[in-house]
Amino acid sequence: MKRGDVLLHKFKEPDKRRPVLIITRDEAIDKSNAVTVIPTTTTIRDVES
């Protein structure tokens, strides 16, 4: 696992799998048992950017 990877994670609430983006620095991933992630969605919506 490294910064920028997108992985599937099963959250407790809501009870479903979601893609998450790893944002923890690579140097910290090796030294910690926790990482910071941003949950994302697989749903495409008609929203202007």
Protein backbone atom coordinates (compact mmCIF):
# COMPACT_ATOMS: atom_id res chain seq x y z
CA MET A 1 0.00 0.00 0.00
CA LYS A 2 1.26 3.47 -0.87
CA ARG A 3 -0.01 7.04 -1.09
CA GLY A 4 -2.37 7.49 -4.04
CA ASP A 5 -3.56 3.88 -4.09
CA VAL A 6 -7.29 3.26 -4.33
CA LEU A 7 -8.45 0.23 -2.34
CA LEU A 8 -11.82 -1.29 -1.41
CA HIS A 9 -12.63 -1.07 2.30
CA LYS A 10 -15.64 -2.42 4.17
CA PHE A 11 -16.94 0.21 6.59
CA LYS A 12 -19.03 -0.66 9.65
CA GLU A 13 -21.57 2.13 8.98
CA PRO A 14 -23.01 2.04 6.39
CA ASP A 15 -22.37 -1.66 6.00
CA LYS A 16 -20.90 -1.65 2.52
CA ARG A 17 -17.64 -1.68 0.62
CA ARG A 18 -16.36 1.60 -0.76
CA PRO A 19 -13.27 2.68 -2.66
CA VAL A 20 -10.88 4.73 -0.54
CA LEU A 21 -7.92 6.89 -1.55
CA ILE A 22 -4.79 6.53 0.62
CA ILE A 23 -3.44 9.99 1.56
CA THR A 24 -0.93 9.06 4.29
CA ARG A 25 2.72 9.76 3.36
CA ASP A 26 4.58 6.63 2.21
CA GLU A 27 7.22 7.10 4.93
CA ALA A 28 4.53 7.03 7.64
CA ILE A 29 2.71 3.96 6.28
CA ASP A 30 5.66 1.71 7.11
CA LYS A 31 5.93 3.05 10.67
CA SER A 32 2.24 3.10 11.65
CA ASN A 33 -0.61 0.63 11.94
CA ALA A 34 -3.12 3.26 10.73
CA VAL A 35 -3.50 5.25 7.52
CA THR A 36 -5.62 8.23 6.55
CA VAL A 37 -8.06 7.65 3.71
CA ILE A 38 -10.67 9.58 1.78
CA PRO A 39 -13.82 7.54 1.10
CA THR A 40 -15.06 7.90 -2.47
CA THR A 41 -17.97 6.60 -4.50
CA THR A 42 -18.49 4.49 -7.59
CA THR A 43 -21.70 6.35 -8.44
CA ILE A 44 -21.53 8.67 -11.43
CA ARG A 45 -23.80 11.69 -11.03
CA ASP A 46 -24.74 14.40 -13.50
CA VAL A 47 -22.98 17.18 -11.61
CA GLU A 48 -21.07 19.98 -13.29
CA SER A 49 -17.51 20.49 -12.07
